Protein backbone atom coordinates (compact mmCIF):
# COMPACT_ATOMS: atom_id res chain seq x y z
CA MET A 1 14.39 105.81 -12.28
CA ALA A 2 13.58 106.92 -8.69
CA GLN A 3 16.21 106.15 -6.19
CA PRO A 4 15.77 104.19 -2.99
CA THR A 5 15.31 106.11 0.12
CA VAL A 6 17.82 105.47 2.74
CA SER A 7 16.24 103.98 5.93
CA GLU A 8 16.71 105.89 9.25
CA THR A 9 17.70 102.56 10.89
CA ASN A 10 20.87 102.60 9.05
CA PHE A 11 21.80 105.59 11.36
CA PHE A 12 23.10 104.79 15.30
CA LEU A 13 24.69 107.20 17.74
CA ASP A 14 27.40 106.14 20.49
CA ARG A 15 26.23 108.89 23.35
CA ALA A 16 29.29 107.61 25.21
CA SER A 17 31.79 108.55 22.59
CA ARG A 18 33.68 111.83 22.73
CA ILE A 19 32.88 112.30 19.20
CA GLY A 20 30.00 114.86 18.60
CA LEU A 21 26.67 113.74 17.25
CA GLN A 22 27.21 115.74 14.13
CA ALA A 23 30.48 114.33 13.33
CA GLN A 24 28.95 110.83 14.08
CA ILE A 25 26.12 111.49 11.54
CA ARG A 26 28.79 112.88 8.97
CA GLU A 27 30.96 109.61 9.39
CA ILE A 28 27.95 107.11 8.76
CA VAL A 29 27.19 108.84 5.35
CA VAL A 30 30.80 109.57 4.46
CA SER A 31 31.54 105.78 5.10
CA ALA A 32 28.58 104.38 3.49
CA VAL A 33 29.41 106.53 0.32
CA LEU A 34 33.29 105.91 0.14
CA SER A 35 32.21 102.10 0.65
CA GLY A 36 29.94 102.04 -2.14
CA ARG A 37 26.94 101.21 0.22
CA LEU A 38 25.41 104.58 -0.70
CA HIS A 39 25.05 105.09 -4.46
CA PRO A 40 24.93 108.45 -6.25
CA GLY A 41 20.95 109.81 -5.96
CA ALA A 42 20.02 107.88 -2.91
CA GLN A 43 17.69 109.83 -0.92
CA LEU A 44 18.65 110.38 2.93
CA PRO A 45 15.72 110.37 5.61
CA SER A 46 14.74 113.94 6.06
CA THR A 47 15.93 116.05 8.85
CA ARG A 48 12.60 115.59 10.77
CA LYS A 49 12.36 111.98 10.41
CA LEU A 50 16.05 111.25 11.31
CA ALA A 51 16.00 113.51 14.25
CA ASP A 52 12.77 111.93 15.37
CA TYR A 53 14.52 108.68 15.20
CA LEU A 54 17.50 109.38 17.03
CA ASN A 55 15.73 111.22 19.46
CA ILE A 56 18.03 114.55 19.08
CA SER A 57 17.53 118.01 17.87
CA ARG A 58 16.53 118.77 14.26
CA ILE A 59 18.83 121.49 14.11
CA THR A 60 21.89 118.69 14.82
CA VAL A 61 20.70 116.57 11.70
CA THR A 62 20.35 119.95 9.78
CA LEU A 63 23.96 121.15 10.28
CA ALA A 64 25.26 117.78 9.58
CA TYR A 65 23.60 117.47 6.28
CA GLN A 66 24.55 120.71 5.42
CA GLU A 67 28.44 120.06 6.07
CA LEU A 68 28.23 116.98 4.10
CA ALA A 69 26.63 119.07 1.29
CA SER A 70 29.43 121.66 1.54
CA GLN A 71 32.12 118.68 1.46
CA GLY A 72 30.35 117.57 -2.01
CA TYR A 73 28.94 114.28 -0.55
CA VAL A 74 25.08 115.10 -0.66
CA GLU A 75 22.94 117.45 -2.36
CA ALA A 76 19.90 119.59 -1.17
CA VAL A 77 16.61 118.50 -2.72
CA SER A 78 14.56 120.74 -0.48
CA ARG A 79 14.85 122.54 2.79
CA SER A 80 14.44 119.18 4.76
CA ALA A 81 15.15 116.36 2.27
CA TYR A 82 18.88 115.55 0.74
CA ARG A 83 20.38 112.88 -1.48
CA VAL A 84 23.81 111.65 -2.28
CA ALA A 85 25.67 113.87 -4.70
CA GLY A 86 25.60 112.61 -8.42
CA ASN A 87 29.60 112.93 -8.10
CA PRO A 88 30.67 112.52 -4.51
CA PRO A 89 34.38 112.93 -3.98
CA THR A 90 35.12 109.27 -3.85
CA SER A 91 38.13 107.42 -5.76
CA VAL A 92 37.87 107.31 -9.55
CA LEU A 93 39.21 103.60 -9.30
CA GLU A 94 36.85 100.74 -8.84
CA THR A 95 38.06 97.98 -6.81
CA ALA A 96 36.81 94.39 -6.83
CA ALA A 97 36.00 93.07 -3.22
CA PRO A 98 38.34 89.97 -2.60
CA GLN A 99 36.84 86.49 -2.52
CA ALA A 100 36.42 85.35 0.87
CA GLY A 101 38.66 82.50 1.61
CA THR A 102 41.15 83.25 -1.19
CA ASP A 103 45.01 84.36 -0.66
CA VAL A 104 46.53 84.42 -4.23
CA VAL A 105 50.13 85.52 -3.04
CA ASP A 106 52.23 83.12 -1.14
CA TRP A 107 53.32 85.62 1.33
CA SER A 108 56.07 83.23 2.82
CA SER A 109 57.94 83.29 -0.12
CA LYS A 110 57.60 87.03 -0.76
CA LEU A 111 58.47 88.38 2.71
CA ARG A 112 62.32 88.48 3.45
CA SER A 113 61.47 87.34 6.96
CA THR A 114 58.97 87.41 9.82
CA PHE A 115 59.48 90.45 12.00
CA ILE A 116 57.28 88.92 14.66
CA VAL A 117 60.38 87.69 16.83
CA ALA A 118 59.70 89.20 19.90
CA LYS A 119 57.55 87.80 22.64
CA GLN A 120 54.47 90.07 22.61
CA MET A 121 53.80 92.08 25.79
CA ARG A 122 49.90 92.25 25.92
CA LYS A 123 48.55 95.36 27.40
CA PRO A 124 44.90 95.75 26.94
CA LEU A 125 43.83 99.11 25.26
CA ASP A 126 40.74 99.16 27.53
CA TRP A 127 42.94 98.68 30.88
CA ARG A 128 41.36 101.65 32.38
CA ARG A 129 37.97 99.79 32.89
CA TYR A 130 40.02 97.31 35.11
CA PRO A 131 39.85 98.46 38.84
CA TYR A 132 43.22 97.27 39.51
CA PRO A 133 45.67 98.15 36.94
CA PHE A 134 49.27 97.42 37.95
CA LEU A 135 50.62 98.28 34.35
CA TYR A 136 54.03 99.67 33.86
CA GLY A 137 54.29 102.42 31.37
CA GLN A 138 50.68 104.01 31.42
CA MET A 139 49.90 107.30 32.73
CA ASP A 140 47.69 108.67 35.52
CA THR A 141 46.19 111.70 33.37
CA SER A 142 45.04 113.18 36.61
CA LEU A 143 48.82 114.22 37.22
CA PHE A 144 49.41 115.99 33.88
CA ASP A 145 48.39 119.42 32.86
CA LEU A 146 46.28 119.14 29.83
CA SER A 147 45.33 122.64 29.92
CA ALA A 148 49.18 123.66 29.58
CA TRP A 149 49.53 121.11 26.67
CA ARG A 150 46.75 122.58 24.81
CA ASP A 151 48.47 126.06 25.35
CA SER A 152 51.79 124.90 24.21
CA ALA A 153 49.90 123.32 20.97
CA ARG A 154 47.90 126.87 20.14
CA ARG A 155 51.40 128.51 20.59
CA ALA A 156 52.85 126.20 18.10
CA LEU A 157 50.17 127.22 15.75
CA ALA A 158 50.87 130.96 15.85
CA ARG A 159 51.53 132.05 12.43
CA GLU A 160 55.37 132.42 12.51
CA ASP A 161 55.67 128.87 13.82
CA PHE A 162 53.04 127.45 11.40
CA GLU A 163 55.12 128.72 8.48
CA LEU A 164 58.14 126.81 9.75
CA MET A 165 56.23 123.56 10.47
CA ALA A 166 54.30 123.91 7.35
CA GLY A 167 57.42 123.57 5.21
CA ASP A 168 59.66 120.38 4.61
CA PHE A 169 62.13 120.18 7.35
CA ALA A 170 63.86 117.62 4.96
CA ALA A 171 65.90 115.71 7.67
CA ALA A 172 66.54 118.52 10.12
CA ASP A 173 64.68 118.83 13.32
CA ASP A 174 63.00 121.56 15.46
CA VAL A 175 65.32 123.98 16.60
CA LEU A 176 63.69 125.05 19.93
CA LEU A 177 63.38 121.32 21.09
CA VAL A 178 66.95 120.29 20.11
CA ASN A 179 68.26 123.46 22.07
CA TYR A 180 66.28 122.40 25.11
CA ILE A 181 67.72 118.91 25.05
CA CYS A 182 71.19 120.39 24.83
CA SER A 183 70.73 123.22 27.56
CA ARG A 184 68.38 121.68 30.15
CA THR A 185 67.72 117.84 29.53
CA LEU A 186 71.13 116.40 29.17
CA PRO A 187 72.85 118.52 31.37
CA SER A 188 70.46 117.06 34.12
CA ARG A 189 72.39 113.70 33.16
CA GLY A 190 75.72 114.93 33.41
CA ILE A 191 76.10 115.01 29.56
CA ARG A 192 77.27 117.91 27.32
CA ALA A 193 76.40 117.80 23.76
CA THR A 194 76.00 120.09 20.88
CA PRO A 195 72.98 120.18 18.34
CA ASP A 196 74.91 118.46 15.67
CA GLU A 197 75.23 115.62 18.24
CA ILE A 198 71.55 114.99 18.71
CA LEU A 199 68.73 113.26 16.51
CA VAL A 200 65.29 113.63 17.49
CA THR A 201 63.29 110.21 16.91
CA VAL A 202 59.84 108.56 17.10
CA GLY A 203 60.34 107.41 20.60
CA ALA A 204 63.61 105.51 22.12
CA GLN A 205 62.54 102.37 20.15
CA ASN A 206 62.98 104.21 17.01
CA ALA A 207 66.28 105.50 18.09
CA LEU A 208 67.29 101.90 19.13
CA TRP A 209 66.37 100.79 15.56
CA ILE A 210 68.53 103.22 13.81
CA VAL A 211 71.61 102.45 15.90
CA THR A 212 71.13 98.70 15.36
CA GLN A 213 71.02 99.43 11.60
CA LEU A 214 74.09 101.78 11.79
CA LEU A 215 76.38 99.47 14.09
CA LEU A 216 75.14 95.92 13.34
CA SER A 217 74.88 93.65 10.57
CA ARG A 218 75.43 89.84 9.76
CA GLY A 219 78.67 88.63 11.31
CA ALA A 220 78.50 91.38 13.87
CA HIS A 221 78.59 90.41 17.62
CA ALA A 222 76.24 92.27 20.02
CA VAL A 223 75.19 91.82 23.67
CA CYS A 224 72.13 92.40 25.76
CA GLU A 225 71.01 92.05 29.07
CA ASN A 226 69.11 89.31 30.41
CA PRO A 227 66.59 89.90 31.19
CA CYS A 228 66.04 92.57 28.95
CA HIS A 229 63.22 94.69 27.02
CA PRO A 230 61.65 92.30 24.33
CA ASP A 231 61.91 95.08 21.75
CA MET A 232 65.60 95.47 22.33
CA SER A 233 66.52 91.90 21.91
CA ALA A 234 64.15 91.54 18.71
CA SER A 235 65.76 94.42 17.07
CA LEU A 236 68.97 92.93 17.63
CA LYS A 237 68.20 89.44 16.37
CA LEU A 238 66.64 91.27 13.25
CA SER A 239 69.93 92.94 12.46
CA GLY A 240 71.50 89.72 11.61
CA ALA A 241 74.24 89.98 14.06
CA GLN A 242 75.26 86.98 16.69
CA VAL A 243 73.40 88.03 20.16
CA THR A 244 74.82 87.13 23.65
CA ALA A 245 72.46 87.80 26.45
CA VAL A 246 74.45 88.37 29.57
CA ASP A 247 72.72 87.67 32.97
CA VAL A 248 72.60 90.64 35.16
CA ASP A 249 72.72 90.78 38.92
CA LYS A 250 71.83 93.23 41.45
CA GLU A 251 74.14 95.67 39.86
CA GLY A 252 73.19 95.38 36.52
CA LEU A 253 75.24 93.88 33.50
CA PRO A 254 79.02 92.46 34.98
CA PRO A 255 81.67 93.76 32.62
CA GLU A 256 83.76 90.59 33.43
CA ALA A 257 81.07 88.45 31.86
CA LEU A 258 81.31 90.14 28.25
CA PRO A 259 82.86 87.58 25.59
CA GLN A 260 86.26 88.39 23.93
CA LYS A 261 84.71 89.75 20.80
CA VAL A 262 82.17 91.74 20.71
CA ASP A 263 81.06 95.06 18.62
CA ALA A 264 78.27 96.62 20.45
CA VAL A 265 76.80 96.23 23.99
CA PHE A 266 73.25 97.34 24.68
CA VAL A 267 72.73 98.33 28.50
CA THR A 268 70.09 100.24 30.93
CA PRO A 269 72.79 101.03 33.48
CA SER A 270 70.74 103.55 35.52
CA HIS A 271 67.58 101.54 35.65
CA HIS A 272 68.00 98.27 34.24
CA SER A 273 64.73 96.97 32.41
CA PRO A 274 62.89 95.24 34.10
CA THR A 275 64.59 94.82 37.50
CA GLY A 276 65.35 98.35 38.30
CA ALA A 277 68.72 97.49 39.36
CA THR A 278 71.35 100.67 39.06
CA MET A 279 74.87 99.80 38.05
CA PRO A 280 77.22 101.60 40.32
CA VAL A 281 79.94 104.04 39.39
CA GLU A 282 82.72 101.40 39.83
CA ARG A 283 81.34 99.01 37.68
CA ARG A 284 80.45 101.79 34.88
CA ALA A 285 84.15 102.66 35.10
CA ARG A 286 84.96 98.85 34.17
CA LEU A 287 82.77 98.65 31.25
CA LEU A 288 83.94 101.99 29.97
CA GLU A 289 87.45 100.48 30.28
CA ALA A 290 86.53 97.26 28.68
CA ALA A 291 85.06 98.95 25.65
CA ALA A 292 88.21 101.29 25.24
CA SER A 293 90.40 97.78 25.41
CA ASN A 294 88.08 95.54 23.15
CA ASP A 295 87.23 98.72 20.81
CA PHE A 296 83.30 98.41 21.12
CA ILE A 297 80.41 100.57 21.15
CA ILE A 298 78.16 100.98 24.22
CA VAL A 299 74.38 101.93 23.56
CA GLU A 300 72.68 103.46 26.72
CA ASP A 301 68.87 103.36 26.95
CA ASP A 302 68.51 106.00 29.87
CA TYR A 303 64.97 105.83 30.73
CA GLU A 304 62.82 106.67 33.64
CA PHE A 305 65.51 108.95 35.04
CA GLU A 306 63.08 111.38 36.10
CA MET A 307 61.11 109.39 38.42
CA SER A 308 63.47 109.94 41.21
CA PHE A 309 61.86 110.40 44.46
CA LEU A 310 63.96 108.08 47.04
CA ALA A 311 67.24 109.59 45.97
CA PRO A 312 68.80 111.30 43.07
CA PRO A 313 69.60 109.51 40.10
CA SER A 314 73.36 108.83 39.42
CA PRO A 315 74.66 110.35 36.37
CA ALA A 316 74.41 108.52 32.95
CA LEU A 317 77.01 106.27 31.84
CA LYS A 318 77.36 108.78 28.86
CA ALA A 319 78.51 111.36 31.55
CA PHE A 320 81.52 109.58 32.23
CA ASP A 321 82.42 108.74 28.54
CA ARG A 322 85.54 110.81 27.27
CA SER A 323 86.01 108.90 23.90
CA GLY A 324 82.43 109.11 22.34
CA ARG A 325 82.18 105.30 22.69
CA VAL A 326 78.43 105.71 24.35
CA PHE A 327 75.61 106.26 22.32
CA TYR A 328 72.62 107.73 24.56
CA ILE A 329 68.86 107.19 24.11
CA GLY A 330 66.43 109.21 25.86
CA SER A 331 62.77 109.56 25.47
CA PHE A 332 59.90 112.01 26.73
CA SER A 333 57.35 109.25 26.45
CA LYS A 334 57.61 108.25 30.26
CA SER A 335 57.83 111.73 31.62
CA LEU A 336 55.20 113.38 29.41
CA PHE A 337 52.63 110.63 28.14
CA PRO A 338 53.41 107.17 26.20
CA GLY A 339 51.37 108.25 23.35
CA LEU A 340 53.89 111.41 22.63
CA ARG A 341 56.31 109.17 21.04
CA LEU A 342 59.24 111.76 21.06
CA GLY A 343 62.87 110.40 22.03
CA TYR A 344 66.50 111.41 20.91
CA LEU A 345 69.56 109.85 20.25
CA VAL A 346 73.00 111.41 21.44
CA ALA A 347 76.14 110.56 19.42
CA PRO A 348 79.18 111.76 18.00
CA ALA A 349 78.58 114.27 15.13
CA PRO A 350 79.62 112.00 12.18
CA VAL A 351 77.17 108.99 13.71
CA ILE A 352 74.17 111.50 13.84
CA ARG A 353 74.85 112.73 10.29
CA GLU A 354 74.43 109.00 9.09
CA ALA A 355 71.62 108.46 11.56
CA ARG A 356 69.91 111.49 10.09
CA ALA A 357 70.20 110.02 6.79
CA LEU A 358 68.88 106.63 7.67
CA ARG A 359 66.04 108.43 9.76
CA ALA A 360 64.91 110.17 6.41
CA LEU A 361 64.60 107.08 4.21
CA MET A 362 62.09 105.96 6.80
CA LEU A 363 59.97 108.90 8.04
CA ARG A 364 62.20 112.12 7.20
CA HIS A 365 61.50 113.66 10.70
CA PRO A 366 58.90 113.47 13.50
CA PRO A 367 56.00 115.74 12.98
CA GLY A 368 57.01 119.12 13.25
CA HIS A 369 53.81 120.49 15.38
CA LEU A 370 54.29 117.86 17.68
CA GLN A 371 58.12 118.82 18.25
CA ARG A 372 57.31 122.58 18.52
CA THR A 373 54.54 121.63 21.20
CA ALA A 374 56.86 119.37 23.18
CA ALA A 375 59.60 122.47 23.08
CA TYR A 376 57.02 125.04 24.14
CA PHE A 377 55.74 122.59 26.83
CA LEU A 378 59.27 122.03 28.12
CA ALA A 379 60.41 125.50 27.85
CA LEU A 380 57.63 127.30 29.53
CA GLY A 381 58.16 125.04 32.81
CA HIS A 382 55.14 122.76 32.40
CA HIS A 383 57.32 119.84 32.24
CA ASP A 384 59.19 120.46 35.54
CA ALA A 385 55.73 120.88 37.16
CA VAL A 386 54.41 117.71 36.22
CA LEU A 387 57.41 115.94 37.31
CA HIS A 388 57.14 117.48 40.61
CA ARG A 389 53.61 116.19 41.02
CA MET A 390 54.41 112.73 39.58
CA ARG A 391 57.33 112.20 41.91
CA SER A 392 55.35 113.35 44.83
CA GLU A 393 52.55 110.74 44.13
CA TYR A 394 54.42 108.17 42.81
CA HIS A 395 56.68 108.31 46.07
CA LYS A 396 53.38 107.72 48.10
CA ARG A 397 52.28 104.91 45.87
CA HIS A 398 55.78 103.44 46.29
CA ILE A 399 55.57 103.46 49.95
CA VAL A 400 51.86 101.88 49.98
CA MET A 401 52.52 98.95 47.53
CA ALA A 402 56.09 98.22 49.04
CA GLU A 403 54.33 97.94 52.41
CA ALA A 404 51.48 95.70 50.69
CA LEU A 405 53.93 93.21 49.11
CA ARG A 406 55.70 92.79 52.00
CA ARG A 407 52.55 92.22 54.03
CA GLU A 408 51.49 89.51 51.48
CA GLY A 409 54.92 87.87 51.63
CA PHE A 410 55.95 88.91 47.86
CA THR A 411 59.62 88.50 47.16
CA ILE A 412 60.83 91.90 45.52
CA ALA A 413 63.35 90.89 43.16
CA GLY A 414 64.51 94.13 42.08
CA SER A 415 63.62 97.75 42.57
CA SER A 416 65.17 101.15 41.49
CA ALA A 417 67.62 102.62 44.23
CA PHE A 418 66.19 106.26 43.23
CA GLY A 419 62.44 105.57 42.41
CA GLY A 420 60.88 104.55 39.10
CA THR A 421 57.33 103.31 38.96
CA SER A 422 57.26 99.49 38.96
CA PHE A 423 58.12 96.23 41.17
CA TRP A 424 59.86 93.39 39.67
CA ILE A 425 58.42 90.27 41.72
CA GLU A 426 59.78 86.58 41.87
CA GLY A 427 57.05 84.43 42.30
CA PRO A 428 57.07 80.91 44.01
CA GLU A 429 58.80 78.18 42.39
CA GLY A 430 56.50 76.39 39.80
CA LEU A 431 54.27 79.49 39.23
CA ASP A 432 53.59 80.38 35.57
CA ALA A 433 53.33 84.14 35.33
CA ASP A 434 51.27 83.74 32.05
CA LEU A 435 48.73 82.09 33.42
CA LEU A 436 48.58 84.27 36.59
CA MET A 437 48.29 87.43 34.37
CA ASN A 438 45.39 85.72 32.28
CA GLU A 439 43.53 84.59 35.62
CA LEU A 440 44.00 87.71 37.31
CA ARG A 441 41.78 89.43 34.82
CA GLN A 442 38.71 87.63 36.40
CA ASP A 443 39.95 89.45 39.37
CA GLY A 444 39.86 92.84 37.89
CA VAL A 445 43.73 93.14 38.00
CA LEU A 446 46.03 93.67 35.39
CA ILE A 447 49.90 92.61 35.92
CA GLU A 448 52.63 92.03 33.13
CA THR A 449 54.07 88.55 32.89
CA GLY A 450 57.89 88.48 32.83
CA SER A 451 58.11 85.67 30.27
CA PRO A 452 58.87 88.48 27.42
CA PHE A 453 61.91 89.77 29.10
CA PHE A 454 63.62 86.11 28.75
CA PRO A 455 63.40 85.37 25.20
CA ALA A 456 65.31 82.44 25.20
CA ASP A 457 63.27 80.54 27.80
CA ASP A 458 60.41 78.50 26.60
CA GLY A 459 59.52 77.15 29.99
CA PRO A 460 56.88 78.80 32.55
CA CYS A 461 58.32 81.92 34.04
CA ARG A 462 57.55 82.97 37.64
CA PHE A 463 58.67 86.43 37.35
CA PHE A 464 56.16 89.26 36.86
CA ARG A 465 56.17 93.11 36.95
CA MET A 466 53.68 95.52 38.73
CA GLY A 467 53.56 99.13 38.05
CA TYR A 468 51.99 101.86 40.38
CA SER A 469 51.82 104.82 37.80
CA SER A 470 48.27 103.85 36.62
CA ILE A 471 46.53 102.60 39.50
CA PRO A 472 44.98 105.02 42.25
CA ARG A 473 46.80 104.76 45.96
CA SER A 474 43.48 103.56 47.44
CA ARG A 475 43.16 100.57 45.16
CA ILE A 476 46.77 99.28 45.69
CA ASP A 477 46.17 97.30 48.96
CA GLU A 478 43.10 95.39 47.52
CA GLY A 479 44.83 94.69 44.29
CA ILE A 480 47.83 93.19 46.03
CA SER A 481 45.55 90.96 48.16
CA ARG A 482 43.73 89.85 44.98
CA THR A 483 47.06 89.19 43.45
CA ALA A 484 48.29 87.14 46.48
CA ALA A 485 44.81 84.86 46.67
CA ARG A 486 45.19 84.18 43.23
CA ILE A 487 48.78 82.87 43.51
CA GLU A 488 47.85 80.77 46.42
CA ARG A 489 44.73 79.12 44.37
CA LEU A 490 46.94 78.30 41.40
CA MET A 491 49.81 76.83 43.64
CA ALA A 492 47.28 74.61 45.30
CA CYS A 493 46.17 73.11 41.96
């Protein structure tokens, strides 16, 4: 029996996509075969007919079909005609499609608990289409050296490197990356560490998760800052420990406000999240004294110290630690790019051994090629050059934005003494920052509401954060003006 011919109308191209035309044609056919929409023997449109329909070169279609044939998805009938192969490389298992509206498993009884305990920080993936994106943590790609990153990736694919990466690291990390962290990154923060005191993680959040699993359990007592990053407070709550949120002031977390019994204190002393407050040396000394007296561990999340353009950053809290009570968490996500997801944990060697074993149960180790690429990028000086460009440009944006905020009457509730990439702003009494964030999208402006940073508060939050790493300097003034105008309209309602 003759098989039906597939209509060319089933094919479409996204000419704005970064994916090539050949690849898009192959994806359409492979997806249809794997999903069962195209059966073995089905006739594909001829190369000429499909090329005419899509208004592309016939050779583009021919090359796409030939690649599909080499992969076993289609087979040639003649020079221009192809059909789905009789035995395409699909799964041998037949799966029945679930009926709509049926849910045969009671998941509430199966799952141990819900893991959606943090207020979500909503950042649209299409943020670049907004003209005034004041989003924290997003990067300006024009400041990054993509050519140097590509070169580092190519170096990491050299035969000697590839043979190392292609093997199973077991629970080990890339030696070059660890050595760079030991010799360059940590000394810049006043920290001395040996390779057996370092664990590479999939970002700072992965390091935080590992630490909470090692230190906390039901019955333990943890302290975090208020406000604090929602992922940190959520991780602590999921550990089962009792969590106390201590209000910060303009100098960060006050040690005298700590409860009598505590097992671990989680802080961001060099650059408090989200206010940007810096804990002075005297207060750091008191915190370390309290840790020694009351026998607790301090977990330091030291992020964004690289963005120092107003003044040199103060040494990390870990730099003053002489007893090994401070666990240090660092990340390359802010200084390179957020999608990199590479961080590290610094702690005494016995702790790192346990942390490495725990990490191995989750993901063994971060991808070897990614670690080696980052190691080359760092070691060849590209990282330092990128940081220099970032500091210079962010300093200029900081000046423009600070002046615009003052001109429009905004109250800056916190900012880093050495730089950073955002402002923490206190809106007028009665402002709902969640509503403001949503309304501003109509004006092409993106900000971040402060409510996720206050997990215990259910009422409206008047605090919000405006970053400047993702917005061009020329658009800051207009974006601030639109934000002020929107607040005025909301407060008048």
